[in-house]
């Protein structure tokens, strides 16, 4: 008989998911009514990342009762969270000695074996034992699916000098995919089962299935950071999507998952793209300035006389004002408040955004000097034109991949 703890048939079970640094959740099946108060307090300390205090408390409990299986499992979890997989494995050894069929102990042991290094075969065997003992337990299949392709990939890579052909990888992924499908069948509302299935589909290059799984994950958890980030990034990077639209997509997604670092980077990139667009407005004004005084001679046409009358010089300010009002000010005011705030943050904290703005300001200054000074010769205006154009031309393609 499979046991999660004593008196299984008479108590309510509680299952908890704890996110691990490597992306793996750790599930412990605990019998609430049989947990010793000291173990419950240690659990709370682990949640607060007070691992030393939790281990000390569990040590006292085990000194009092070395047969408390749940305390051994909790101690293993504590040590695993504290980046001590070898010590965690020692604790799971004690737990398995007390009950070789306890799922919580076996699952924790598999996690410790994975983290120790070089013991993936044992971890896989342990999870296969979990599946054998509890064939209707979705979590065992999900963990095994995630481990199977990783372990086989490592073994095959080591056997072939670090190389792995695509066909072999597909075979491993097929086996893992079957296990993931079983996990989804048994736990259709479990997010981790969908996460593992997504990872396998992504590794296999099946983007359609991966997108479907992302959709399913977001239906279960609309605030799921990874799925939300993937969907948003895909939409933002669709050909034809402008920087304004991309920034809005990222801002909307961050409202649901404000702690997502990848989406914040995406918003920074979109904000930087918006700032880069400002230089085109400055270049347009610079071209307008050059046209206004016939800066460059055209064959067959007579250049206008210099100096340009004051009225004409002042009139050139009108289209420049319209360009900036419609192209920058109005566009900025229509942005989401979160995007506007992020643009200001990007300018404060980034070097390249300030460089971009400085280039745009310099080009505008050159345009104003060309149009508003009553030049009698075109030599200096021509120098100003090239001085405003060249800094932007020298970096406009180079800096497009720079991060805000």
Protein backbone atom coordinates (compact mmCIF):
# COMPACT_ATOMS: atom_id res chain seq x y z
CA UNK A 1 0.00 0.00 0.00
CA UNK A 2 1.28 3.50 -0.87
CA UNK A 3 1.63 5.73 2.16
CA UNK A 4 1.90 9.49 2.40
CA UNK A 5 1.99 9.33 6.16
CA UNK A 6 0.30 7.52 9.02
CA UNK A 7 -3.47 7.19 9.12
CA UNK A 8 -3.85 8.18 5.51
CA UNK A 9 -7.45 7.13 5.32
CA UNK A 10 -8.52 9.26 8.27
CA UNK A 11 -7.06 12.66 7.55
CA UNK A 12 -7.29 15.36 4.93
CA UNK A 13 -4.25 15.74 2.67
CA UNK A 14 -2.72 19.09 1.77
CA UNK A 15 -0.53 19.51 -1.30
CA UNK A 16 1.69 22.50 -1.68
CA UNK A 17 3.80 23.75 -4.56
CA UNK A 18 7.05 25.53 -3.89
CA UNK A 19 9.00 27.01 -6.82
CA UNK A 20 12.60 25.89 -6.99
CA UNK A 21 15.51 27.91 -8.39
CA UNK A 22 15.82 25.58 -11.35
CA UNK A 23 12.18 26.03 -12.31
CA UNK A 24 11.01 22.79 -10.70
CA UNK A 25 8.27 22.84 -8.14
CA UNK A 26 8.60 20.79 -5.00
CA UNK A 27 5.43 19.10 -3.88
CA UNK A 28 5.09 17.53 -0.52
CA UNK A 29 2.04 15.51 0.41
CA UNK A 30 1.49 16.12 4.09
CA UNK A 31 -1.08 14.78 6.48
CA UNK A 32 -2.24 17.87 8.30
CA UNK A 33 -3.55 16.28 11.44
CA UNK A 34 -0.36 14.26 12.02
CA UNK A 35 2.17 17.05 11.57
CA UNK A 36 3.90 17.90 14.80
CA UNK A 37 3.62 21.62 15.72
CA UNK A 38 7.40 21.95 15.54
CA UNK A 39 7.36 20.67 11.96
CA UNK A 40 4.64 23.16 11.06
CA UNK A 41 6.66 26.01 12.55
CA UNK A 42 9.72 24.83 10.65
CA UNK A 43 7.66 24.84 7.45
CA UNK A 44 6.76 28.48 8.05
CA UNK A 45 10.41 29.33 8.67
CA UNK A 46 11.38 27.66 5.39
CA UNK A 47 8.81 29.78 3.58
CA UNK A 48 10.51 32.82 5.10
CA UNK A 49 13.91 31.45 3.96
CA UNK A 50 15.13 31.22 7.54
CA UNK A 51 16.79 27.91 6.85
CA UNK A 52 19.16 27.84 9.81
CA UNK A 53 16.32 28.41 12.26
CA UNK A 54 14.15 25.80 10.53
CA UNK A 55 16.94 23.21 10.57
CA UNK A 56 17.63 23.84 14.24
CA UNK A 57 13.96 23.40 15.08
CA UNK A 58 13.71 20.21 13.04
CA UNK A 59 16.92 18.93 14.66
CA UNK A 60 15.34 19.34 18.08
CA UNK A 61 12.22 17.53 16.90
CA UNK A 62 14.19 14.61 15.47
CA UNK A 63 16.30 14.35 18.60
CA UNK A 64 13.02 13.99 20.47
CA UNK A 65 11.48 11.56 17.95
CA UNK A 66 13.83 10.10 15.30
CA UNK A 67 10.89 8.25 13.78
CA UNK A 68 9.05 11.40 12.65
CA UNK A 69 9.08 10.79 8.91
CA UNK A 70 7.54 14.15 8.02
CA UNK A 71 10.24 15.92 9.98
CA UNK A 72 12.93 14.13 7.94
CA UNK A 73 11.20 15.09 4.70
CA UNK A 74 10.86 18.68 5.85
CA UNK A 75 14.51 18.73 6.83
CA UNK A 76 15.45 17.52 3.36
CA UNK A 77 13.39 20.29 1.82
CA UNK A 78 15.02 22.84 4.11
CA UNK A 79 18.51 21.72 3.12
CA UNK A 80 17.59 21.59 -0.55
CA UNK A 81 16.33 25.18 -0.41
CA UNK A 82 19.53 26.15 1.37
CA UNK A 83 21.58 24.76 -1.55
CA UNK A 84 22.79 21.74 0.42
CA UNK A 85 21.71 18.81 -1.79
CA UNK A 86 24.15 16.31 -0.24
CA UNK A 87 22.76 16.93 3.24
CA UNK A 88 19.23 16.89 1.84
CA UNK A 89 19.93 13.45 0.36
CA UNK A 90 21.08 12.20 3.77
CA UNK A 91 17.76 13.33 5.25
CA UNK A 92 15.77 11.58 2.52
CA UNK A 93 17.75 8.39 3.18
CA UNK A 94 16.49 8.45 6.74
CA UNK A 95 12.93 9.13 5.61
CA UNK A 96 12.97 6.27 3.09
CA UNK A 97 14.33 3.92 5.75
CA UNK A 98 11.27 4.71 7.85
CA UNK A 99 8.88 4.15 4.94
CA UNK A 100 10.22 3.03 1.54
CA UNK A 101 6.82 3.72 -0.06
CA UNK A 102 6.23 7.25 1.19
CA UNK A 103 5.67 9.39 -1.89
CA UNK A 104 6.75 12.63 -0.26
CA UNK A 105 10.07 11.10 0.78
CA UNK A 106 10.65 9.51 -2.63
CA UNK A 107 9.88 12.70 -4.52
CA UNK A 108 12.15 14.71 -2.26
CA UNK A 109 14.86 12.11 -2.75
CA UNK A 110 14.58 12.40 -6.52
CA UNK A 111 14.97 16.16 -6.28
CA UNK A 112 18.05 15.83 -4.09
CA UNK A 113 19.57 13.25 -6.46
CA UNK A 114 19.08 15.62 -9.38
CA UNK A 115 20.85 18.41 -7.56
CA UNK A 116 23.76 16.33 -6.29
CA UNK A 117 25.04 15.82 -9.82
CA UNK A 118 25.88 12.67 -11.73
CA UNK A 119 23.03 10.70 -10.16
CA UNK A 120 20.29 11.26 -12.69
CA UNK A 121 19.86 7.51 -13.19
CA UNK A 122 18.99 7.07 -9.52
CA UNK A 123 16.64 10.06 -9.65
CA UNK A 124 14.87 8.55 -12.65
CA UNK A 125 14.57 5.16 -10.93
CA UNK A 126 13.13 6.85 -7.86
CA UNK A 127 10.48 8.65 -9.90
CA UNK A 128 9.59 5.48 -11.77
CA UNK A 129 9.01 3.92 -8.36
CA UNK A 130 6.70 6.83 -7.54
CA UNK A 131 4.74 6.19 -10.73
CA UNK A 132 4.57 2.46 -9.95
CA UNK A 133 3.32 3.08 -6.42
CA UNK A 134 0.83 5.77 -7.42
CA UNK A 135 -0.21 5.23 -11.06
CA UNK A 136 -3.02 7.80 -10.73
CA UNK A 137 -0.79 10.50 -9.27
CA UNK A 138 -0.27 13.20 -11.94
CA UNK A 139 2.74 14.80 -10.25
CA UNK A 140 4.89 11.71 -10.48
CA UNK A 141 4.37 11.56 -14.24
CA UNK A 142 5.12 15.28 -14.60
CA UNK A 143 8.39 15.02 -12.68
CA UNK A 144 9.40 11.90 -14.57
CA UNK A 145 8.60 13.51 -17.93
CA UNK A 146 10.82 16.45 -17.11
CA UNK A 147 13.66 14.21 -15.96
CA UNK A 148 13.54 11.58 -18.70
CA UNK A 149 14.60 13.79 -21.59
CA UNK A 150 17.17 15.63 -19.50
CA UNK A 151 18.77 12.47 -18.14
CA UNK A 152 18.80 10.72 -21.51
CA UNK A 153 20.26 13.80 -23.18
CA UNK A 154 23.06 13.95 -20.63
CA UNK A 155 23.80 10.23 -20.91
CA UNK A 156 23.79 10.26 -24.70
CA UNK A 157 25.90 13.40 -24.82
CA UNK A 158 28.48 11.93 -22.49
CA UNK A 159 28.63 8.75 -24.54
CA UNK A 160 29.20 10.67 -27.78
CA UNK A 161 31.70 13.25 -26.67
CA UNK A 162 29.17 15.97 -25.95
CA UNK A 163 27.26 15.69 -29.24
CA UNK A 164 23.63 14.72 -29.68
CA UNK A 165 21.91 14.27 -33.01
CA UNK A 166 18.41 15.58 -33.56
CA UNK A 167 16.85 12.17 -34.17
CA UNK A 168 18.07 10.83 -30.82
CA UNK A 169 16.78 13.93 -29.03
CA UNK A 170 13.39 13.53 -30.71
CA UNK A 171 13.20 9.94 -29.44
CA UNK A 172 13.84 11.08 -25.88
CA UNK A 173 11.33 13.89 -26.23
CA UNK A 174 8.72 11.48 -27.56
CA UNK A 175 8.96 9.32 -24.44
CA UNK A 176 8.88 12.39 -22.21
CA UNK A 177 5.92 13.74 -24.19
CA UNK A 178 3.92 10.58 -23.54
CA UNK A 179 4.57 10.90 -19.81
CA UNK A 180 3.58 14.58 -19.92
CA UNK A 181 0.32 13.69 -21.69
CA UNK A 182 -0.46 11.23 -18.91
CA UNK A 183 0.26 13.93 -16.33
CA UNK A 184 -2.14 16.27 -18.14
CA UNK A 185 -4.79 13.56 -18.31
CA UNK A 186 -4.55 12.90 -14.58
CA UNK A 187 -4.14 16.55 -13.61
CA UNK A 188 -5.87 18.65 -16.27
CA UNK A 189 -5.97 21.69 -13.98
CA UNK A 190 -2.42 21.42 -12.68
CA UNK A 191 -0.16 24.20 -13.94
CA UNK A 192 3.09 22.30 -13.47
CA UNK A 193 1.86 19.49 -15.73
CA UNK A 194 1.25 22.10 -18.43
CA UNK A 195 4.66 23.70 -17.81
CA UNK A 196 6.46 20.41 -18.34
CA UNK A 197 4.41 19.65 -21.45
CA UNK A 198 5.20 23.13 -22.80
CA UNK A 199 8.93 22.66 -22.22
CA UNK A 200 8.94 19.35 -24.08
CA UNK A 201 6.89 20.77 -26.97
CA UNK A 202 9.24 23.76 -27.18
CA UNK A 203 12.32 21.51 -27.18
CA UNK A 204 10.73 19.44 -29.94
CA UNK A 205 10.12 22.59 -31.97
CA UNK A 206 6.35 22.11 -31.93
CA UNK A 207 5.38 25.77 -31.65
CA UNK A 208 1.69 25.16 -32.29
CA UNK A 209 1.35 22.81 -29.32
CA UNK A 210 3.51 25.12 -27.19
CA UNK A 211 1.20 28.05 -27.99
CA UNK A 212 -1.84 25.94 -27.11
CA UNK A 213 -0.26 25.01 -23.79
CA UNK A 214 0.54 28.66 -23.05
CA UNK A 215 -3.11 29.46 -23.70
CA UNK A 216 -4.19 26.69 -21.34
CA UNK A 217 -1.75 27.86 -18.65
CA UNK A 218 -3.08 31.41 -18.83
CA UNK A 219 -6.63 30.13 -18.54
CA UNK A 220 -5.65 28.39 -15.31
CA UNK A 221 -3.50 31.27 -14.08
CA UNK A 222 -3.89 34.62 -15.92
CA UNK A 223 -0.89 35.97 -13.99
CA UNK A 224 1.54 33.17 -14.90
CA UNK A 225 4.75 35.09 -15.58
CA UNK A 226 6.48 32.79 -18.04
CA UNK A 227 3.43 32.06 -20.20
CA UNK A 228 2.38 35.71 -20.15
CA UNK A 229 5.89 36.81 -21.10
CA UNK A 230 6.06 34.32 -23.97
CA UNK A 231 2.68 35.33 -25.37
CA UNK A 232 3.46 39.03 -25.04
CA UNK A 233 6.90 38.68 -26.61
CA UNK A 234 5.44 36.78 -29.53
CA UNK A 235 2.79 39.44 -30.11
CA UNK A 236 5.25 42.32 -29.68
CA UNK A 237 7.75 40.80 -32.13
CA UNK A 238 5.19 40.03 -34.82
CA UNK A 239 6.26 41.69 -38.10
CA UNK A 240 4.52 45.02 -38.53
CA UNK A 241 3.97 45.70 -34.83
CA UNK A 242 5.20 49.21 -34.10
CA UNK A 243 7.09 50.31 -31.01
CA UNK A 244 4.00 52.00 -29.55
CA UNK A 245 1.96 48.82 -29.87
CA UNK A 246 4.79 46.70 -28.45
CA UNK A 247 5.17 49.02 -25.46
CA UNK A 248 1.43 48.89 -24.81
CA UNK A 249 1.44 45.09 -24.95
CA UNK A 250 4.27 44.87 -22.43
CA UNK A 251 2.67 47.47 -20.15
CA UNK A 252 -0.64 45.57 -20.15
CA UNK A 253 1.14 42.29 -19.40
CA UNK A 254 3.17 43.84 -16.58
CA UNK A 255 -0.05 44.98 -14.96
CA UNK A 256 -0.86 41.28 -14.50
CA UNK A 257 2.68 40.13 -13.67
CA UNK A 258 4.61 43.15 -12.33
CA UNK A 259 7.55 41.04 -11.15
CA UNK A 260 8.38 39.61 -14.58
CA UNK A 261 11.95 40.62 -15.42
CA UNK A 262 11.69 39.46 -19.05
CA UNK A 263 8.63 41.61 -19.74
CA UNK A 264 10.24 44.59 -18.04
CA UNK A 265 13.20 44.15 -20.37
CA UNK A 266 10.77 43.97 -23.26
CA UNK A 267 9.12 47.21 -22.17
CA UNK A 268 12.55 48.84 -21.87
CA UNK A 269 13.39 47.73 -25.40
CA UNK A 270 10.09 49.04 -26.75
CA UNK A 271 10.61 52.34 -24.93
CA UNK A 272 14.06 52.61 -26.45
CA UNK A 273 12.60 51.99 -29.89
CA UNK A 274 10.21 54.88 -29.29
CA UNK A 275 13.09 57.14 -28.35
CA UNK A 276 15.05 56.13 -31.44
CA UNK A 277 12.12 57.32 -33.53
CA UNK A 278 12.67 60.85 -32.25
CA UNK A 279 15.83 61.13 -34.32
CA UNK A 280 13.86 60.71 -37.53
CA UNK A 281 11.83 63.77 -36.60
CA UNK A 282 15.03 65.72 -36.09
CA UNK A 283 16.41 64.51 -39.43
CA UNK A 284 13.18 65.53 -41.15
CA UNK A 285 13.52 69.02 -39.69
CA UNK A 286 17.16 69.11 -40.79
CA UNK A 287 16.15 68.18 -44.34
CA UNK A 288 13.46 70.85 -44.25
CA UNK A 289 16.06 73.39 -43.14
CA UNK A 290 18.37 72.45 -46.01
CA UNK A 291 15.53 72.74 -48.51
CA UNK A 292 14.46 76.08 -47.08
CA UNK A 293 17.66 77.84 -48.13
CA UNK A 294 18.46 75.68 -51.18
CA UNK A 295 21.50 74.35 -49.37
CA UNK A 296 22.69 72.18 -52.25
CA UNK A 297 22.68 73.20 -55.85
CA UNK A 298 20.51 71.21 -58.27
CA UNK A 299 21.44 71.12 -61.93
CA UNK A 300 19.13 73.25 -63.99
CA UNK A 301 17.73 75.19 -61.01
CA UNK A 302 18.77 78.57 -59.64
CA UNK A 303 19.44 78.68 -55.88
CA UNK A 304 17.57 81.32 -53.94
CA UNK A 305 19.37 84.43 -52.90
CA UNK A 306 20.87 84.81 -49.45
CA UNK A 307 20.15 85.98 -46.85
CA UNK A 308 16.64 84.53 -46.67
CA UNK A 309 14.07 87.16 -45.62
CA UNK A 310 13.09 87.16 -41.94
CA UNK A 311 9.48 86.21 -42.69
CA UNK A 312 10.56 83.13 -44.62
CA UNK A 313 13.00 82.15 -41.89
CA UNK A 314 10.30 82.39 -39.24
CA UNK A 315 7.84 80.49 -41.42
CA UNK A 316 10.10 77.42 -41.41
CA UNK A 317 9.43 77.14 -37.67
CA UNK A 318 5.79 76.34 -38.38
CA UNK A 319 6.28 72.96 -40.13
CA UNK A 320 9.00 72.06 -37.63
CA UNK A 321 6.59 72.73 -34.78
CA UNK A 322 3.92 70.64 -36.48
CA UNK A 323 6.39 67.78 -36.97
CA UNK A 324 7.31 67.71 -33.29
CA UNK A 325 3.78 68.31 -32.02
CA UNK A 326 2.26 65.50 -34.08
CA UNK A 327 5.23 63.15 -34.16
CA UNK A 328 6.42 63.41 -30.57
CA UNK A 329 4.26 65.41 -28.17
CA UNK A 330 0.84 64.12 -29.27
CA UNK A 331 2.18 60.61 -29.64
CA UNK A 332 3.72 60.75 -26.16
CA UNK A 333 0.50 61.99 -24.58
CA UNK A 334 -1.42 59.10 -26.13
CA UNK A 335 0.85 56.51 -24.58
CA UNK A 336 -0.21 54.52 -21.54
CA UNK A 337 0.80 56.15 -18.26
CA UNK A 338 2.99 53.17 -17.46
CA UNK A 339 4.82 53.50 -20.79
CA UNK A 340 5.42 57.23 -20.25
CA UNK A 341 6.83 56.53 -16.80
CA UNK A 342 9.06 53.80 -18.19
CA UNK A 343 10.38 56.07 -20.94
CA UNK A 344 11.47 58.58 -18.32
CA UNK A 345 13.05 55.76 -16.31
CA UNK A 346 14.91 54.46 -19.37
CA UNK A 347 16.28 57.95 -20.05
CA UNK A 348 17.45 58.34 -16.46
CA UNK A 349 19.10 54.93 -16.23
CA UNK A 350 20.34 54.18 -19.74
CA UNK A 351 23.31 55.54 -21.65
CA UNK A 352 22.07 54.94 -25.18
CA UNK A 353 18.68 56.63 -24.65
CA UNK A 354 20.52 59.76 -23.56
CA UNK A 355 22.82 59.47 -26.57
CA UNK A 356 19.78 59.22 -28.87
CA UNK A 357 18.14 62.29 -27.34
CA UNK A 358 21.40 64.21 -27.50
CA UNK A 359 21.76 63.37 -31.20
CA UNK A 360 18.19 64.51 -31.89
CA UNK A 361 18.74 67.75 -29.95
CA UNK A 362 22.02 68.41 -31.79
CA UNK A 363 20.39 67.83 -35.18
CA UNK A 364 17.56 70.21 -34.24
CA UNK A 365 20.03 72.84 -33.10
CA UNK A 366 21.81 72.59 -36.44
CA UNK A 367 18.47 72.89 -38.25
CA UNK A 368 17.55 76.01 -36.29
CA UNK A 369 20.94 77.62 -36.91
CA UNK A 370 20.62 76.90 -40.63
CA UNK A 371 17.16 78.45 -40.87
CA UNK A 372 17.21 81.32 -38.38
CA UNK A 373 20.64 82.86 -38.93
CA UNK A 374 20.70 85.27 -41.95
CA UNK A 375 23.51 83.54 -43.76
CA UNK A 376 25.06 85.29 -46.75
CA UNK A 377 26.98 82.22 -47.90
CA UNK A 378 26.13 78.51 -47.86
CA UNK A 379 29.45 77.14 -46.66
CA UNK A 380 28.73 77.31 -42.92
CA UNK A 381 25.11 76.05 -43.26
CA UNK A 382 26.42 73.11 -45.28
CA UNK A 383 28.90 72.30 -42.50
CA UNK A 384 26.06 72.54 -39.96
CA UNK A 385 23.90 70.23 -42.08
CA UNK A 386 26.53 67.52 -42.22
CA UNK A 387 27.41 68.06 -38.56
CA UNK A 388 23.78 67.35 -37.63
CA UNK A 389 23.40 64.41 -39.99
CA UNK A 390 26.60 62.42 -39.60
CA UNK A 391 26.42 61.53 -35.87
CA UNK A 392 22.99 60.00 -36.40
CA UNK A 393 23.95 58.31 -39.67
CA UNK A 394 26.99 56.80 -37.99
CA UNK A 395 24.98 55.06 -35.25
CA UNK A 396 21.40 54.68 -36.45
CA UNK A 397 21.94 51.08 -37.63
CA UNK A 398 24.58 50.19 -35.06
CA UNK A 399 22.54 51.15 -32.00
CA UNK A 400 19.24 49.56 -33.02
CA UNK A 401 20.07 46.45 -30.96
CA UNK A 402 21.21 48.36 -27.93
CA UNK A 403 19.06 47.96 -24.84
CA UNK A 404 17.41 50.94 -23.28
